[in-house]
Amino acid sequence: MNDIVFWAIEARIFIEMNKPNEVLQYLKEKSPKLPLKYIAEMFIEAGDKEHAIEAITKMKDAEEKVSLLISI
C-alpha cells in the first residue's frame, strides 16, 4: 500500500475517533502530503467546522477555498 493511501486512511480514522489534533499534526510531519482539500472535506463530512476552516485557510487555491467554505 502506498504511503498516501495509508495516511488517508489514518487521517479518516483519527477524524472518526474525534481526534482532529492528530490530523493537524499529520499536516506538519508527513510527506508526501495529502491534499488540504481532501482533509477539509473529511472534517466537513464529520461536522467539524472549526477544523475544516483551519485546513481551508491553509489552502492556496482561492476557488477551492470558496467552494469548500460555501459547502460548510
N, C-alpha and C. Protein backbone atom coordinates (compact mmCIF):
# COMPACT_ATOMS: atom_id res chain seq x y z
N MET A 1 0.86 -1.17 0.00
CA MET A 1 0.00 0.00 0.00
C MET A 1 0.91 1.24 0.00
N ASN A 2 0.58 2.17 -0.84
CA ASN A 2 1.45 3.33 -0.90
C ASN A 2 1.17 4.26 0.28
N ASP A 3 2.15 5.11 0.60
CA ASP A 3 2.08 5.95 1.80
C ASP A 3 0.88 6.88 1.82
N ILE A 4 0.55 7.47 0.70
CA ILE A 4 -0.56 8.42 0.66
C ILE A 4 -1.88 7.72 1.00
N VAL A 5 -2.08 6.53 0.48
CA VAL A 5 -3.31 5.78 0.78
C VAL A 5 -3.36 5.47 2.27
N PHE A 6 -2.24 5.02 2.82
CA PHE A 6 -2.20 4.72 4.25
C PHE A 6 -2.51 5.95 5.08
N TRP A 7 -1.91 7.10 4.75
CA TRP A 7 -2.15 8.32 5.53
C TRP A 7 -3.58 8.82 5.38
N ALA A 8 -4.17 8.60 4.22
CA ALA A 8 -5.58 8.99 4.03
C ALA A 8 -6.48 8.16 4.94
N ILE A 9 -6.20 6.88 5.02
CA ILE A 9 -6.98 6.00 5.91
C ILE A 9 -6.76 6.42 7.36
N GLU A 10 -5.51 6.67 7.70
CA GLU A 10 -5.17 7.08 9.07
C GLU A 10 -5.86 8.40 9.44
N ALA A 11 -5.84 9.36 8.54
CA ALA A 11 -6.49 10.65 8.80
C ALA A 11 -7.98 10.47 9.00
N ARG A 12 -8.62 9.68 8.16
CA ARG A 12 -10.07 9.45 8.29
C ARG A 12 -10.39 8.78 9.63
N ILE A 13 -9.57 7.84 10.05
CA ILE A 13 -9.81 7.16 11.33
C ILE A 13 -9.67 8.16 12.48
N PHE A 14 -8.65 9.00 12.45
CA PHE A 14 -8.49 10.00 13.51
C PHE A 14 -9.68 10.93 13.57
N ILE A 15 -10.20 11.33 12.42
CA ILE A 15 -11.37 12.22 12.40
C ILE A 15 -12.58 11.48 12.96
N GLU A 16 -12.77 10.23 12.57
CA GLU A 16 -13.90 9.46 13.08
C GLU A 16 -13.79 9.22 14.58
N MET A 17 -12.56 9.15 15.09
CA MET A 17 -12.34 8.96 16.53
C MET A 17 -12.38 10.29 17.28
N ASN A 18 -12.71 11.37 16.57
CA ASN A 18 -12.77 12.71 17.15
C ASN A 18 -11.42 13.13 17.72
N LYS A 19 -10.37 12.91 16.93
CA LYS A 19 -9.01 13.31 17.31
C LYS A 19 -8.43 14.22 16.23
N PRO A 20 -9.01 15.41 16.07
CA PRO A 20 -8.57 16.30 14.99
C PRO A 20 -7.14 16.79 15.14
N ASN A 21 -6.66 16.89 16.36
CA ASN A 21 -5.29 17.38 16.55
C ASN A 21 -4.27 16.43 15.94
N GLU A 22 -4.57 15.13 15.95
CA GLU A 22 -3.67 14.17 15.32
C GLU A 22 -3.61 14.40 13.81
N VAL A 23 -4.75 14.74 13.22
CA VAL A 23 -4.78 15.01 11.78
C VAL A 23 -4.00 16.29 11.49
N LEU A 24 -4.18 17.32 12.31
CA LEU A 24 -3.46 18.57 12.09
C LEU A 24 -1.96 18.38 12.33
N GLN A 25 -1.59 17.53 13.26
CA GLN A 25 -0.18 17.21 13.49
C GLN A 25 0.39 16.50 12.26
N TYR A 26 -0.42 15.63 11.67
CA TYR A 26 -0.03 14.93 10.46
C TYR A 26 0.40 15.92 9.38
N LEU A 27 -0.34 17.03 9.27
CA LEU A 27 -0.04 18.02 8.24
C LEU A 27 1.38 18.57 8.38
N LYS A 28 1.88 18.59 9.59
CA LYS A 28 3.22 19.12 9.83
C LYS A 28 4.31 18.08 9.60
N GLU A 29 3.98 16.79 9.76
CA GLU A 29 5.01 15.76 9.79
C GLU A 29 5.12 14.88 8.54
N LYS A 30 4.02 14.54 7.94
CA LYS A 30 4.04 13.53 6.87
C LYS A 30 4.43 14.13 5.53
N SER A 31 5.08 13.30 4.74
CA SER A 31 5.44 13.70 3.40
C SER A 31 5.47 12.43 2.56
N PRO A 32 4.89 12.36 1.39
CA PRO A 32 4.17 13.43 0.71
C PRO A 32 2.86 13.74 1.40
N LYS A 33 2.38 14.90 1.16
CA LYS A 33 1.19 15.40 1.84
C LYS A 33 -0.09 14.96 1.16
N LEU A 34 -1.12 14.76 1.99
CA LEU A 34 -2.47 14.63 1.45
C LEU A 34 -2.92 16.02 1.05
N PRO A 35 -3.71 16.16 0.02
CA PRO A 35 -4.22 17.48 -0.33
C PRO A 35 -5.06 18.06 0.80
N LEU A 36 -4.86 19.33 1.08
CA LEU A 36 -5.63 20.00 2.12
C LEU A 36 -7.12 19.96 1.83
N LYS A 37 -7.48 19.99 0.55
CA LYS A 37 -8.88 19.91 0.17
C LYS A 37 -9.49 18.61 0.68
N TYR A 38 -8.77 17.53 0.54
CA TYR A 38 -9.25 16.22 0.98
C TYR A 38 -9.44 16.21 2.50
N ILE A 39 -8.49 16.77 3.22
CA ILE A 39 -8.58 16.81 4.68
C ILE A 39 -9.75 17.69 5.11
N ALA A 40 -9.90 18.85 4.47
CA ALA A 40 -11.03 19.74 4.78
C ALA A 40 -12.36 19.04 4.53
N GLU A 41 -12.46 18.32 3.42
CA GLU A 41 -13.69 17.60 3.11
C GLU A 41 -14.00 16.53 4.16
N MET A 42 -12.97 15.87 4.68
CA MET A 42 -13.20 14.87 5.72
C MET A 42 -13.74 15.54 6.99
N PHE A 43 -13.19 16.70 7.35
CA PHE A 43 -13.69 17.42 8.52
C PHE A 43 -15.13 17.88 8.29
N ILE A 44 -15.44 18.34 7.09
CA ILE A 44 -16.80 18.79 6.78
C ILE A 44 -17.77 17.63 6.91
N GLU A 45 -17.41 16.47 6.36
CA GLU A 45 -18.26 15.28 6.45
C GLU A 45 -18.51 14.89 7.90
N ALA A 46 -17.50 15.10 8.75
CA ALA A 46 -17.62 14.73 10.16
C ALA A 46 -18.36 15.81 10.97
N GLY A 47 -18.68 16.93 10.33
CA GLY A 47 -19.39 18.01 11.02
C GLY A 47 -18.49 18.88 11.88
N ASP A 48 -17.18 18.81 11.66
CA ASP A 48 -16.21 19.58 12.44
C ASP A 48 -15.83 20.84 11.66
N LYS A 49 -16.67 21.86 11.77
CA LYS A 49 -16.48 23.09 11.00
C LYS A 49 -15.21 23.83 11.39
N GLU A 50 -14.90 23.85 12.68
CA GLU A 50 -13.72 24.58 13.16
C GLU A 50 -12.44 24.08 12.51
N HIS A 51 -12.25 22.78 12.50
CA HIS A 51 -11.02 22.22 11.92
C HIS A 51 -11.06 22.23 10.39
N ALA A 52 -12.26 22.14 9.83
CA ALA A 52 -12.38 22.27 8.38
C ALA A 52 -11.91 23.64 7.94
N ILE A 53 -12.35 24.67 8.66
CA ILE A 53 -11.94 26.04 8.31
C ILE A 53 -10.43 26.21 8.48
N GLU A 54 -9.88 25.59 9.51
CA GLU A 54 -8.43 25.67 9.71
C GLU A 54 -7.67 25.06 8.53
N ALA A 55 -8.14 23.93 8.03
CA ALA A 55 -7.50 23.30 6.87
C ALA A 55 -7.71 24.15 5.62
N ILE A 56 -8.92 24.70 5.46
CA ILE A 56 -9.23 25.51 4.27
C ILE A 56 -8.37 26.76 4.22
N THR A 57 -8.14 27.40 5.36
CA THR A 57 -7.34 28.64 5.36
C THR A 57 -5.89 28.39 4.96
N LYS A 58 -5.42 27.16 5.08
CA LYS A 58 -4.05 26.83 4.68
C LYS A 58 -3.93 26.55 3.18
N MET A 59 -5.07 26.41 2.51
CA MET A 59 -5.07 26.12 1.08
C MET A 59 -4.67 27.36 0.28
N LYS A 60 -4.10 27.14 -0.90
CA LYS A 60 -3.65 28.25 -1.73
C LYS A 60 -4.63 28.60 -2.85
N ASP A 61 -5.37 27.64 -3.33
CA ASP A 61 -6.29 27.87 -4.44
C ASP A 61 -7.56 28.56 -3.95
N ALA A 62 -7.76 29.82 -4.35
CA ALA A 62 -8.89 30.63 -3.88
C ALA A 62 -10.23 30.02 -4.28
N GLU A 63 -10.33 29.48 -5.49
CA GLU A 63 -11.60 28.89 -5.93
C GLU A 63 -11.98 27.69 -5.08
N GLU A 64 -11.01 26.85 -4.76
CA GLU A 64 -11.29 25.69 -3.91
C GLU A 64 -11.69 26.15 -2.51
N LYS A 65 -11.02 27.17 -1.99
CA LYS A 65 -11.37 27.72 -0.67
C LYS A 65 -12.82 28.15 -0.63
N VAL A 66 -13.22 28.96 -1.61
CA VAL A 66 -14.58 29.50 -1.64
C VAL A 66 -15.58 28.35 -1.76
N SER A 67 -15.31 27.40 -2.62
CA SER A 67 -16.20 26.27 -2.82
C SER A 67 -16.41 25.50 -1.52
N LEU A 68 -15.33 25.24 -0.79
CA LEU A 68 -15.43 24.50 0.46
C LEU A 68 -16.13 25.32 1.54
N LEU A 69 -15.82 26.60 1.61
CA LEU A 69 -16.47 27.45 2.62
C LEU A 69 -17.97 27.53 2.39
N ILE A 70 -18.38 27.57 1.13
CA ILE A 70 -19.80 27.59 0.81
C ILE A 70 -20.46 26.29 1.25
N SER A 71 -19.76 25.18 1.11
CA SER A 71 -20.35 23.89 1.45
C SER A 71 -20.52 23.69 2.96
N ILE A 72 -19.82 24.51 3.72
CA ILE A 72 -19.97 24.42 5.18
C ILE A 72 -21.26 25.07 5.56
